[in-house]
PDB file of N, CA and C in Angstrom:
ATOM      1  N   UNK A   1      -4.031 -42.516   9.937  1.00  0.00           N
ATOM      2  CA  UNK A   1      -3.213 -41.398  10.365  1.00  0.00           C
ATOM      3  C   UNK A   1      -3.317 -41.271  11.889  1.00  0.00           C
ATOM      4  N   UNK A   2      -2.218 -41.102  12.524  1.00  0.00           N
ATOM      5  CA  UNK A   2      -2.243 -41.009  13.986  1.00  0.00           C
ATOM      6  C   UNK A   2      -2.635 -39.597  14.437  1.00  0.00           C
ATOM      7  N   UNK A   3      -3.001 -39.498  15.666  1.00  0.00           N
ATOM      8  CA  UNK A   3      -3.418 -38.222  16.231  1.00  0.00           C
ATOM      9  C   UNK A   3      -2.295 -37.188  16.217  1.00  0.00           C
ATOM     10  N   UNK A   4      -1.054 -37.668  16.420  1.00  0.00           N
ATOM     11  CA  UNK A   4       0.097 -36.749  16.431  1.00  0.00           C
ATOM     12  C   UNK A   4       0.314 -36.134  15.044  1.00  0.00           C
ATOM     13  N   UNK A   5       0.122 -36.925  13.998  1.00  0.00           N
ATOM     14  CA  UNK A   5       0.315 -36.416  12.642  1.00  0.00           C
ATOM     15  C   UNK A   5      -0.736 -35.359  12.309  1.00  0.00           C
ATOM     16  N   UNK A   6      -1.973 -35.608  12.736  1.00  0.00           N
ATOM     17  CA  UNK A   6      -3.038 -34.625  12.506  1.00  0.00           C
ATOM     18  C   UNK A   6      -2.737 -33.340  13.270  1.00  0.00           C
ATOM     19  N   UNK A   7      -2.256 -33.480  14.482  1.00  0.00           N
ATOM     20  CA  UNK A   7      -1.907 -32.317  15.292  1.00  0.00           C
ATOM     21  C   UNK A   7      -0.796 -31.500  14.638  1.00  0.00           C
ATOM     22  N   UNK A   8       0.202 -32.163  14.090  1.00  0.00           N
ATOM     23  CA  UNK A   8       1.298 -31.467  13.415  1.00  0.00           C
ATOM     24  C   UNK A   8       0.779 -30.711  12.198  1.00  0.00           C
ATOM     25  N   UNK A   9      -0.100 -31.299  11.443  1.00  0.00           N
ATOM     26  CA  UNK A   9      -0.658 -30.649  10.262  1.00  0.00           C
ATOM     27  C   UNK A   9      -1.489 -29.436  10.678  1.00  0.00           C
ATOM     28  N   UNK A  10      -2.295 -29.560  11.713  1.00  0.00           N
ATOM     29  CA  UNK A  10      -3.108 -28.451  12.194  1.00  0.00           C
ATOM     30  C   UNK A  10      -2.210 -27.310  12.695  1.00  0.00           C
ATOM     31  N   UNK A  11      -1.181 -27.635  13.440  1.00  0.00           N
ATOM     32  CA  UNK A  11      -0.252 -26.620  13.940  1.00  0.00           C
ATOM     33  C   UNK A  11       0.459 -25.938  12.759  1.00  0.00           C
ATOM     34  N   UNK A  12       0.858 -26.705  11.758  1.00  0.00           N
ATOM     35  CA  UNK A  12       1.542 -26.122  10.591  1.00  0.00           C
ATOM     36  C   UNK A  12       0.621 -25.145   9.869  1.00  0.00           C
ATOM     37  N   UNK A  13      -0.633 -25.517   9.661  1.00  0.00           N
ATOM     38  CA  UNK A  13      -1.575 -24.596   9.006  1.00  0.00           C
ATOM     39  C   UNK A  13      -1.832 -23.357   9.866  1.00  0.00           C
ATOM     40  N   UNK A  14      -1.925 -23.538  11.161  1.00  0.00           N
ATOM     41  CA  UNK A  14      -2.091 -22.399  12.055  1.00  0.00           C
ATOM     42  C   UNK A  14      -0.898 -21.448  11.988  1.00  0.00           C
ATOM     43  N   UNK A  15       0.288 -22.008  11.953  1.00  0.00           N
ATOM     44  CA  UNK A  15       1.491 -21.192  11.827  1.00  0.00           C
ATOM     45  C   UNK A  15       1.519 -20.421  10.513  1.00  0.00           C
ATOM     46  N   UNK A  16       1.205 -21.093   9.412  1.00  0.00           N
ATOM     47  CA  UNK A  16       1.169 -20.429   8.110  1.00  0.00           C
ATOM     48  C   UNK A  16       0.139 -19.302   8.088  1.00  0.00           C
ATOM     49  N   UNK A  17      -1.004 -19.534   8.710  1.00  0.00           N
ATOM     50  CA  UNK A  17      -2.026 -18.499   8.771  1.00  0.00           C
ATOM     51  C   UNK A  17      -1.505 -17.278   9.516  1.00  0.00           C
ATOM     52  N   UNK A  18      -0.900 -17.501  10.678  1.00  0.00           N
ATOM     53  CA  UNK A  18      -0.429 -16.379  11.485  1.00  0.00           C
ATOM     54  C   UNK A  18       0.741 -15.635  10.842  1.00  0.00           C
ATOM     55  N   UNK A  19       1.605 -16.342  10.137  1.00  0.00           N
ATOM     56  CA  UNK A  19       2.807 -15.721   9.579  1.00  0.00           C
ATOM     57  C   UNK A  19       2.577 -15.138   8.178  1.00  0.00           C
ATOM     58  N   UNK A  20       1.762 -15.780   7.377  1.00  0.00           N
ATOM     59  CA  UNK A  20       1.615 -15.346   5.980  1.00  0.00           C
ATOM     60  C   UNK A  20       0.265 -14.706   5.671  1.00  0.00           C
ATOM     61  N   UNK A  21      -0.798 -15.400   5.939  1.00  0.00           N
ATOM     62  CA  UNK A  21      -2.113 -14.950   5.468  1.00  0.00           C
ATOM     63  C   UNK A  21      -2.652 -13.756   6.254  1.00  0.00           C
ATOM     64  N   UNK A  22      -2.544 -13.769   7.551  1.00  0.00           N
ATOM     65  CA  UNK A  22      -3.100 -12.690   8.363  1.00  0.00           C
ATOM     66  C   UNK A  22      -2.410 -11.342   8.092  1.00  0.00           C
ATOM     67  N   UNK A  23      -1.067 -11.257   8.056  1.00  0.00           N
ATOM     68  CA  UNK A  23      -0.433  -9.968   7.729  1.00  0.00           C
ATOM     69  C   UNK A  23      -0.757  -9.484   6.317  1.00  0.00           C
ATOM     70  N   UNK A  24      -0.872 -10.397   5.363  1.00  0.00           N
ATOM     71  CA  UNK A  24      -1.207  -9.999   3.993  1.00  0.00           C
ATOM     72  C   UNK A  24      -2.607  -9.405   3.936  1.00  0.00           C
ATOM     73  N   UNK A  25      -3.542 -10.005   4.623  1.00  0.00           N
ATOM     74  CA  UNK A  25      -4.913  -9.487   4.665  1.00  0.00           C
ATOM     75  C   UNK A  25      -4.946  -8.118   5.315  1.00  0.00           C
ATOM     76  N   UNK A  26      -4.168  -7.940   6.371  1.00  0.00           N
ATOM     77  CA  UNK A  26      -4.103  -6.650   7.057  1.00  0.00           C
ATOM     78  C   UNK A  26      -3.560  -5.568   6.120  1.00  0.00           C
ATOM     79  N   UNK A  27      -2.521  -5.886   5.320  1.00  0.00           N
ATOM     80  CA  UNK A  27      -1.974  -4.929   4.352  1.00  0.00           C
ATOM     81  C   UNK A  27      -3.000  -4.594   3.278  1.00  0.00           C
ATOM     82  N   UNK A  28      -3.763  -5.583   2.813  1.00  0.00           N
ATOM     83  CA  UNK A  28      -4.790  -5.338   1.799  1.00  0.00           C
ATOM     84  C   UNK A  28      -5.866  -4.409   2.332  1.00  0.00           C
ATOM     85  N   UNK A  29      -6.300  -4.619   3.550  1.00  0.00           N
ATOM     86  CA  UNK A  29      -7.330  -3.773   4.149  1.00  0.00           C
ATOM     87  C   UNK A  29      -6.818  -2.342   4.315  1.00  0.00           C
ATOM     88  N   UNK A  30      -5.582  -2.182   4.788  1.00  0.00           N
ATOM     89  CA  UNK A  30      -5.004  -0.853   4.967  1.00  0.00           C
ATOM     90  C   UNK A  30      -4.861  -0.139   3.621  1.00  0.00           C
ATOM     91  N   UNK A  31      -4.442  -0.856   2.598  1.00  0.00           N
ATOM     92  CA  UNK A  31      -4.316  -0.268   1.262  1.00  0.00           C
ATOM     93  C   UNK A  31      -5.670   0.170   0.715  1.00  0.00           C
ATOM     94  N   UNK A  32      -6.674  -0.667   0.890  1.00  0.00           N
ATOM     95  CA  UNK A  32      -8.021  -0.329   0.431  1.00  0.00           C
ATOM     96  C   UNK A  32      -8.556   0.898   1.159  1.00  0.00           C
ATOM     97  N   UNK A  33      -8.329   0.993   2.455  1.00  0.00           N
ATOM     98  CA  UNK A  33      -8.774   2.155   3.223  1.00  0.00           C
ATOM     99  C   UNK A  33      -8.068   3.406   2.760  1.00  0.00           C
ATOM    100  N   UNK A  34      -6.762   3.311   2.464  1.00  0.00           N
ATOM    101  CA  UNK A  34      -6.007   4.465   1.975  1.00  0.00           C
ATOM    102  C   UNK A  34      -6.569   4.925   0.639  1.00  0.00           C
ATOM    103  N   UNK A  35      -6.852   4.000  -0.269  1.00  0.00           N
ATOM    104  CA  UNK A  35      -7.385   4.371  -1.585  1.00  0.00           C
ATOM    105  C   UNK A  35      -8.770   5.006  -1.474  1.00  0.00           C
ATOM    106  N   UNK A  36      -9.578   4.534  -0.535  1.00  0.00           N
ATOM    107  CA  UNK A  36     -10.913   5.099  -0.364  1.00  0.00           C
ATOM    108  C   UNK A  36     -10.890   6.459   0.302  1.00  0.00           C
ATOM    109  N   UNK A  37      -9.845   6.768   1.051  1.00  0.00           N
ATOM    110  CA  UNK A  37      -9.781   8.037   1.773  1.00  0.00           C
ATOM    111  C   UNK A  37      -9.055   9.134   0.994  1.00  0.00           C
ATOM    112  N   UNK A  38      -8.659   8.873  -0.254  1.00  0.00           N
ATOM    113  CA  UNK A  38      -7.968   9.894  -1.035  1.00  0.00           C
ATOM    114  C   UNK A  38      -8.869  11.109  -1.245  1.00  0.00           C
ATOM    115  N   UNK A  39      -8.259  12.294  -1.174  1.00  0.00           N
ATOM    116  CA  UNK A  39      -8.992  13.538  -1.370  1.00  0.00           C
ATOM    117  C   UNK A  39      -8.198  14.465  -2.278  1.00  0.00           C
ATOM    118  N   UNK A  40      -8.896  15.381  -2.931  1.00  0.00           N
ATOM    119  CA  UNK A  40      -8.231  16.400  -3.742  1.00  0.00           C
ATOM    120  C   UNK A  40      -7.319  17.199  -2.821  1.00  0.00           C
ATOM    121  N   UNK A  41      -6.087  17.411  -3.273  1.00  0.00           N
ATOM    122  CA  UNK A  41      -5.111  18.166  -2.484  1.00  0.00           C
ATOM    123  C   UNK A  41      -4.116  17.288  -1.760  1.00  0.00           C
ATOM    124  N   UNK A  42      -4.389  15.984  -1.655  1.00  0.00           N
ATOM    125  CA  UNK A  42      -3.433  15.076  -1.009  1.00  0.00           C
ATOM    126  C   UNK A  42      -2.190  14.934  -1.867  1.00  0.00           C
ATOM    127  N   UNK A  43      -1.034  14.931  -1.217  1.00  0.00           N
ATOM    128  CA  UNK A  43       0.208  14.650  -1.940  1.00  0.00           C
ATOM    129  C   UNK A  43       0.430  13.142  -1.861  1.00  0.00           C
ATOM    130  N   UNK A  44       0.666  12.543  -3.024  1.00  0.00           N
ATOM    131  CA  UNK A  44       0.779  11.086  -3.107  1.00  0.00           C
ATOM    132  C   UNK A  44       2.040  10.692  -3.853  1.00  0.00           C
ATOM    133  N   UNK A  45       2.397   9.433  -3.704  1.00  0.00           N
ATOM    134  CA  UNK A  45       3.462   8.830  -4.522  1.00  0.00           C
ATOM    135  C   UNK A  45       2.847   7.613  -5.187  1.00  0.00           C
ATOM    136  N   UNK A  46       3.082   7.490  -6.487  1.00  0.00           N
ATOM    137  CA  UNK A  46       2.525   6.358  -7.232  1.00  0.00           C
ATOM    138  C   UNK A  46       3.400   5.127  -7.023  1.00  0.00           C
ATOM    139  N   UNK A  47       2.892   3.992  -7.462  1.00  0.00           N
ATOM    140  CA  UNK A  47       3.656   2.752  -7.377  1.00  0.00           C
ATOM    141  C   UNK A  47       4.927   2.832  -8.205  1.00  0.00           C
ATOM    142  N   UNK A  48       4.947   3.711  -9.206  1.00  0.00           N
ATOM    143  CA  UNK A  48       6.125   3.909 -10.039  1.00  0.00           C
ATOM    144  C   UNK A  48       7.110   4.911  -9.468  1.00  0.00           C
ATOM    145  N   UNK A  49       6.766   5.527  -8.319  1.00  0.00           N
ATOM    146  CA  UNK A  49       7.694   6.440  -7.669  1.00  0.00           C
ATOM    147  C   UNK A  49       7.517   7.910  -8.045  1.00  0.00           C
ATOM    148  N   UNK A  50       6.413   8.270  -8.690  1.00  0.00           N
ATOM    149  CA  UNK A  50       6.180   9.658  -9.082  1.00  0.00           C
ATOM    150  C   UNK A  50       5.409  10.362  -7.979  1.00  0.00           C
ATOM    151  N   UNK A  51       5.940  11.496  -7.526  1.00  0.00           N
ATOM    152  CA  UNK A  51       5.273  12.287  -6.500  1.00  0.00           C
ATOM    153  C   UNK A  51       4.395  13.330  -7.175  1.00  0.00           C
ATOM    154  N   UNK A  52       3.248  13.623  -6.591  1.00  0.00           N
ATOM    155  CA  UNK A  52       2.372  14.645  -7.129  1.00  0.00           C
ATOM    156  C   UNK A  52       1.221  14.938  -6.176  1.00  0.00           C
ATOM    157  N   UNK A  53       0.371  15.886  -6.603  1.00  0.00           N
ATOM    158  CA  UNK A  53      -0.767  16.297  -5.809  1.00  0.00           C
ATOM    159  C   UNK A  53      -2.041  15.959  -6.560  1.00  0.00           C
ATOM    160  N   UNK A  54      -3.004  15.387  -5.878  1.00  0.00           N
ATOM    161  CA  UNK A  54      -4.277  15.006  -6.501  1.00  0.00           C
ATOM    162  C   UNK A  54      -5.063  16.264  -6.840  1.00  0.00           C
ATOM    163  N   UNK A  55      -5.513  16.358  -8.097  1.00  0.00           N
ATOM    164  CA  UNK A  55      -6.327  17.484  -8.525  1.00  0.00           C
ATOM    165  C   UNK A  55      -7.757  17.084  -8.837  1.00  0.00           C
ATOM    166  N   UNK A  56      -7.996  15.809  -9.130  1.00  0.00           N
ATOM    167  CA  UNK A  56      -9.350  15.333  -9.399  1.00  0.00           C
ATOM    168  C   UNK A  56      -9.422  13.832  -9.126  1.00  0.00           C
ATOM    169  N   UNK A  57     -10.583  13.403  -8.673  1.00  0.00           N
ATOM    170  CA  UNK A  57     -10.806  12.000  -8.366  1.00  0.00           C
ATOM    171  C   UNK A  57     -11.965  11.468  -9.192  1.00  0.00           C
ATOM    172  N   UNK A  58     -11.840  10.259  -9.656  1.00  0.00           N
ATOM    173  CA  UNK A  58     -12.909   9.553 -10.339  1.00  0.00           C
ATOM    174  C   UNK A  58     -13.009   8.188  -9.666  1.00  0.00           C
ATOM    175  N   UNK A  59     -13.943   7.371 -10.109  1.00  0.00           N
ATOM    176  CA  UNK A  59     -14.129   6.073  -9.491  1.00  0.00           C
ATOM    177  C   UNK A  59     -12.887   5.184  -9.655  1.00  0.00           C
ATOM    178  N   UNK A  60     -12.320   5.130 -10.858  1.00  0.00           N
ATOM    179  CA  UNK A  60     -11.197   4.253 -11.126  1.00  0.00           C
ATOM    180  C   UNK A  60      -9.883   4.960 -11.403  1.00  0.00           C
ATOM    181  N   UNK A  61      -9.899   6.275 -11.561  1.00  0.00           N
ATOM    182  CA  UNK A  61      -8.657   6.984 -11.877  1.00  0.00           C
ATOM    183  C   UNK A  61      -8.553   8.273 -11.079  1.00  0.00           C
ATOM    184  N   UNK A  62      -7.335   8.775 -11.039  1.00  0.00           N
ATOM    185  CA  UNK A  62      -7.012   9.985 -10.287  1.00  0.00           C
ATOM    186  C   UNK A  62      -6.176  10.875 -11.207  1.00  0.00           C
ATOM    187  N   UNK A  63      -6.434  12.181 -11.172  1.00  0.00           N
ATOM    188  CA  UNK A  63      -5.582  13.137 -11.886  1.00  0.00           C
ATOM    189  C   UNK A  63      -4.578  13.668 -10.877  1.00  0.00           C
ATOM    190  N   UNK A  64      -3.295  13.556 -11.241  1.00  0.00           N
ATOM    191  CA  UNK A  64      -2.226  13.969 -10.339  1.00  0.00           C
ATOM    192  C   UNK A  64      -1.385  15.026 -11.042  1.00  0.00           C
ATOM    193  N   UNK A  65      -1.187  16.151 -10.369  1.00  0.00           N
ATOM    194  CA  UNK A  65      -0.323  17.207 -10.894  1.00  0.00           C
ATOM    195  C   UNK A  65       1.099  16.899 -10.444  1.00  0.00           C
ATOM    196  N   UNK A  66       1.989  16.642 -11.420  1.00  0.00           N
ATOM    197  CA  UNK A  66       3.363  16.269 -11.090  1.00  0.00           C
ATOM    198  C   UNK A  66       4.331  17.422 -11.299  1.00  0.00           C
ATOM    199  N   UNK A  67       3.874  18.474 -11.963  1.00  0.00           N
ATOM    200  CA  UNK A  67       4.646  19.700 -12.164  1.00  0.00           C
ATOM    201  C   UNK A  67       3.630  20.803 -12.446  1.00  0.00           C
ATOM    202  N   UNK A  68       4.028  22.079 -12.306  1.00  0.00           N
ATOM    203  CA  UNK A  68       3.066  23.145 -12.603  1.00  0.00           C
ATOM    204  C   UNK A  68       2.501  22.993 -14.012  1.00  0.00           C
ATOM    205  N   UNK A  69       1.172  23.007 -14.101  1.00  0.00           N
ATOM    206  CA  UNK A  69       0.454  22.906 -15.374  1.00  0.00           C
ATOM    207  C   UNK A  69       0.647  21.536 -16.062  1.00  0.00           C
ATOM    208  N   UNK A  70       1.074  20.498 -15.341  1.00  0.00           N
ATOM    209  CA  UNK A  70       1.238  19.182 -15.937  1.00  0.00           C
ATOM    210  C   UNK A  70       0.530  18.144 -15.074  1.00  0.00           C
ATOM    211  N   UNK A  71      -0.580  17.623 -15.610  1.00  0.00           N
ATOM    212  CA  UNK A  71      -1.367  16.615 -14.913  1.00  0.00           C
ATOM    213  C   UNK A  71      -1.318  15.308 -15.684  1.00  0.00           C
ATOM    214  N   UNK A  72      -1.328  14.220 -14.935  1.00  0.00           N
ATOM    215  CA  UNK A  72      -1.368  12.895 -15.543  1.00  0.00           C
ATOM    216  C   UNK A  72      -2.548  12.119 -14.960  1.00  0.00           C
ATOM    217  N   UNK A  73      -3.102  11.220 -15.760  1.00  0.00           N
ATOM    218  CA  UNK A  73      -4.150  10.313 -15.285  1.00  0.00           C
ATOM    219  C   UNK A  73      -3.467   9.068 -14.760  1.00  0.00           C
ATOM    220  N   UNK A  74      -3.855   8.650 -13.564  1.00  0.00           N
ATOM    221  CA  UNK A  74      -3.265   7.485 -12.933  1.00  0.00           C
ATOM    222  C   UNK A  74      -4.403   6.610 -12.439  1.00  0.00           C
ATOM    223  N   UNK A  75      -4.262   5.309 -12.609  1.00  0.00           N
ATOM    224  CA  UNK A  75      -5.258   4.392 -12.035  1.00  0.00           C
ATOM    225  C   UNK A  75      -5.235   4.533 -10.533  1.00  0.00           C
ATOM    226  N   UNK A  76      -6.389   4.556  -9.934  1.00  0.00           N
ATOM    227  CA  UNK A  76      -6.474   4.729  -8.469  1.00  0.00           C
ATOM    228  C   UNK A  76      -5.646   3.671  -7.749  1.00  0.00           C
ATOM    229  N   UNK A  77      -5.674   2.432  -8.233  1.00  0.00           N
ATOM    230  CA  UNK A  77      -4.945   1.370  -7.574  1.00  0.00           C
ATOM    231  C   UNK A  77      -3.430   1.515  -7.725  1.00  0.00           C
ATOM    232  N   UNK A  78      -2.961   2.444  -8.577  1.00  0.00           N
ATOM    233  CA  UNK A  78      -1.526   2.678  -8.751  1.00  0.00           C
ATOM    234  C   UNK A  78      -0.968   3.697  -7.752  1.00  0.00           C
ATOM    235  N   UNK A  79      -1.828   4.241  -6.897  1.00  0.00           N
ATOM    236  CA  UNK A  79      -1.358   5.137  -5.861  1.00  0.00           C
ATOM    237  C   UNK A  79      -0.719   4.292  -4.769  1.00  0.00           C
ATOM    238  N   UNK A  80       0.555   4.528  -4.516  1.00  0.00           N
ATOM    239  CA  UNK A  80       1.277   3.729  -3.550  1.00  0.00           C
ATOM    240  C   UNK A  80       1.073   4.166  -2.124  1.00  0.00           C
ATOM    241  N   UNK A  81       1.047   5.498  -1.883  1.00  0.00           N
ATOM    242  CA  UNK A  81       0.926   6.014  -0.529  1.00  0.00           C
ATOM    243  C   UNK A  81       0.586   7.481  -0.557  1.00  0.00           C
ATOM    244  N   UNK A  82      -0.006   7.943   0.530  1.00  0.00           N
ATOM    245  CA  UNK A  82      -0.207   9.364   0.733  1.00  0.00           C
ATOM    246  C   UNK A  82       1.026   9.858   1.478  1.00  0.00           C
ATOM    247  N   UNK A  83       1.608  10.960   1.007  1.00  0.00           N
ATOM    248  CA  UNK A  83       2.838  11.461   1.576  1.00  0.00           C
ATOM    249  C   UNK A  83       2.516  12.379   2.749  1.00  0.00           C
ATOM    250  N   UNK A  84       3.212  12.188   3.859  1.00  0.00           N
ATOM    251  CA  UNK A  84       3.038  13.043   5.018  1.00  0.00           C
ATOM    252  C   UNK A  84       3.753  14.363   4.793  1.00  0.00           C
ATOM    253  N   UNK A  85       3.440  15.381   5.582  1.00  0.00           N
ATOM    254  CA  UNK A  85       4.060  16.698   5.397  1.00  0.00           C
ATOM    255  C   UNK A  85       5.581  16.717   5.449  1.00  0.00           C
ATOM    256  N   UNK A  86       6.220  15.795   6.147  1.00  0.00           N
ATOM    257  CA  UNK A  86       7.669  15.817   6.211  1.00  0.00           C
ATOM    258  C   UNK A  86       8.330  14.921   5.166  1.00  0.00           C
ATOM    259  N   UNK A  87       7.592  14.531   4.131  1.00  0.00           N
ATOM    260  CA  UNK A  87       8.203  13.907   2.964  1.00  0.00           C
ATOM    261  C   UNK A  87       8.287  12.399   2.963  1.00  0.00           C
ATOM    262  N   UNK A  88       7.881  11.713   4.018  1.00  0.00           N
ATOM    263  CA  UNK A  88       7.929  10.257   4.043  1.00  0.00           C
ATOM    264  C   UNK A  88       6.544   9.709   3.767  1.00  0.00           C
ATOM    265  N   UNK A  89       6.412   8.671   2.922  1.00  0.00           N
ATOM    266  CA  UNK A  89       5.108   8.042   2.742  1.00  0.00           C
ATOM    267  C   UNK A  89       4.592   7.480   4.062  1.00  0.00           C
ATOM    268  N   UNK A  90       3.266   7.511   4.249  1.00  0.00           N
ATOM    269  CA  UNK A  90       2.665   7.025   5.484  1.00  0.00           C
ATOM    270  C   UNK A  90       3.024   5.584   5.784  1.00  0.00           C
ATOM    271  N   UNK A  91       3.084   4.750   4.744  1.00  0.00           N
ATOM    272  CA  UNK A  91       3.335   3.329   4.980  1.00  0.00           C
ATOM    273  C   UNK A  91       4.759   2.922   4.619  1.00  0.00           C
ATOM    274  N   UNK A  92       5.692   3.887   4.697  1.00  0.00           N
ATOM    275  CA  UNK A  92       7.078   3.584   4.352  1.00  0.00           C
ATOM    276  C   UNK A  92       7.662   2.595   5.350  1.00  0.00           C
ATOM    277  N   UNK A  93       8.348   1.608   4.821  1.00  0.00           N
ATOM    278  CA  UNK A  93       9.007   0.628   5.667  1.00  0.00           C
ATOM    279  C   UNK A  93      10.511   0.803   5.494  1.00  0.00           C
ATOM    280  N   UNK A  94      11.271   0.626   6.555  1.00  0.00           N
ATOM    281  CA  UNK A  94      12.719   0.754   6.410  1.00  0.00           C
ATOM    282  C   UNK A  94      13.259  -0.345   5.497  1.00  0.00           C
ATOM    283  N   UNK A  95      14.244   0.030   4.704  1.00  0.00           N
ATOM    284  CA  UNK A  95      14.843  -0.976   3.804  1.00  0.00           C
ATOM    285  C   UNK A  95      15.788  -1.841   4.591  1.00  0.00           C
ATOM    286  N   UNK A  96      15.939  -3.097   4.202  1.00  0.00           N
ATOM    287  CA  UNK A  96      16.821  -3.975   4.949  1.00  0.00           C
ATOM    288  C   UNK A  96      18.299  -3.618   4.770  1.00  0.00           C
ATOM    289  N   UNK A  97      18.621  -2.763   3.812  1.00  0.00           N
ATOM    290  CA  UNK A  97      20.010  -2.418   3.530  1.00  0.00           C
ATOM    291  C   UNK A  97      20.409  -1.082   4.105  1.00  0.00           C
ATOM    292  N   UNK A  98      19.540  -0.443   4.879  1.00  0.00           N
ATOM    293  CA  UNK A  98      19.900   0.846   5.456  1.00  0.00           C
ATOM    294  C   UNK A  98      19.633   1.967   4.481  1.00  0.00           C
ATOM    295  N   UNK A  99      20.298   3.107   4.684  1.00  0.00           N
ATOM    296  CA  UNK A  99      20.043   4.294   3.864  1.00  0.00           C
ATOM    297  C   UNK A  99      20.689   4.248   2.506  1.00  0.00           C
ATOM    298  N   UNK A 100      21.778   3.482   2.320  1.00  0.00           N
ATOM    299  CA  UNK A 100      22.472   3.490   1.031  1.00  0.00           C
ATOM    300  C   UNK A 100      21.954   2.471   0.052  1.00  0.00           C
ATOM    301  N   UNK A 101      20.823   1.839   0.345  1.00  0.00           N
ATOM    302  CA  UNK A 101      20.025   1.014  -0.449  1.00  0.00           C
ATOM    303  C   UNK A 101      20.476  -0.033  -1.289  1.00  0.00           C
TER     304      UNK A 101
END
């Protein structure tokens, strides 16, 4: 194998690392930090799109009040985001199709 071929392979792996692996790892770390920082009273949205307020926390599950006097048990890892006071999830990303989705 020539030196140029080895260099191309090294550059290709470096590019894949920078474009794919590094951003994915960053998202995983941010998600883990968000799940660890959950507190009673936080307004959250689940991965299924249900909005509610945390009423109790356990190691693997969270109790979320989704309506007055109605609580559901949700796996902690199913919490998608903590909702900010103005109604947008903290990690909301703009959709590629604009507002009409």
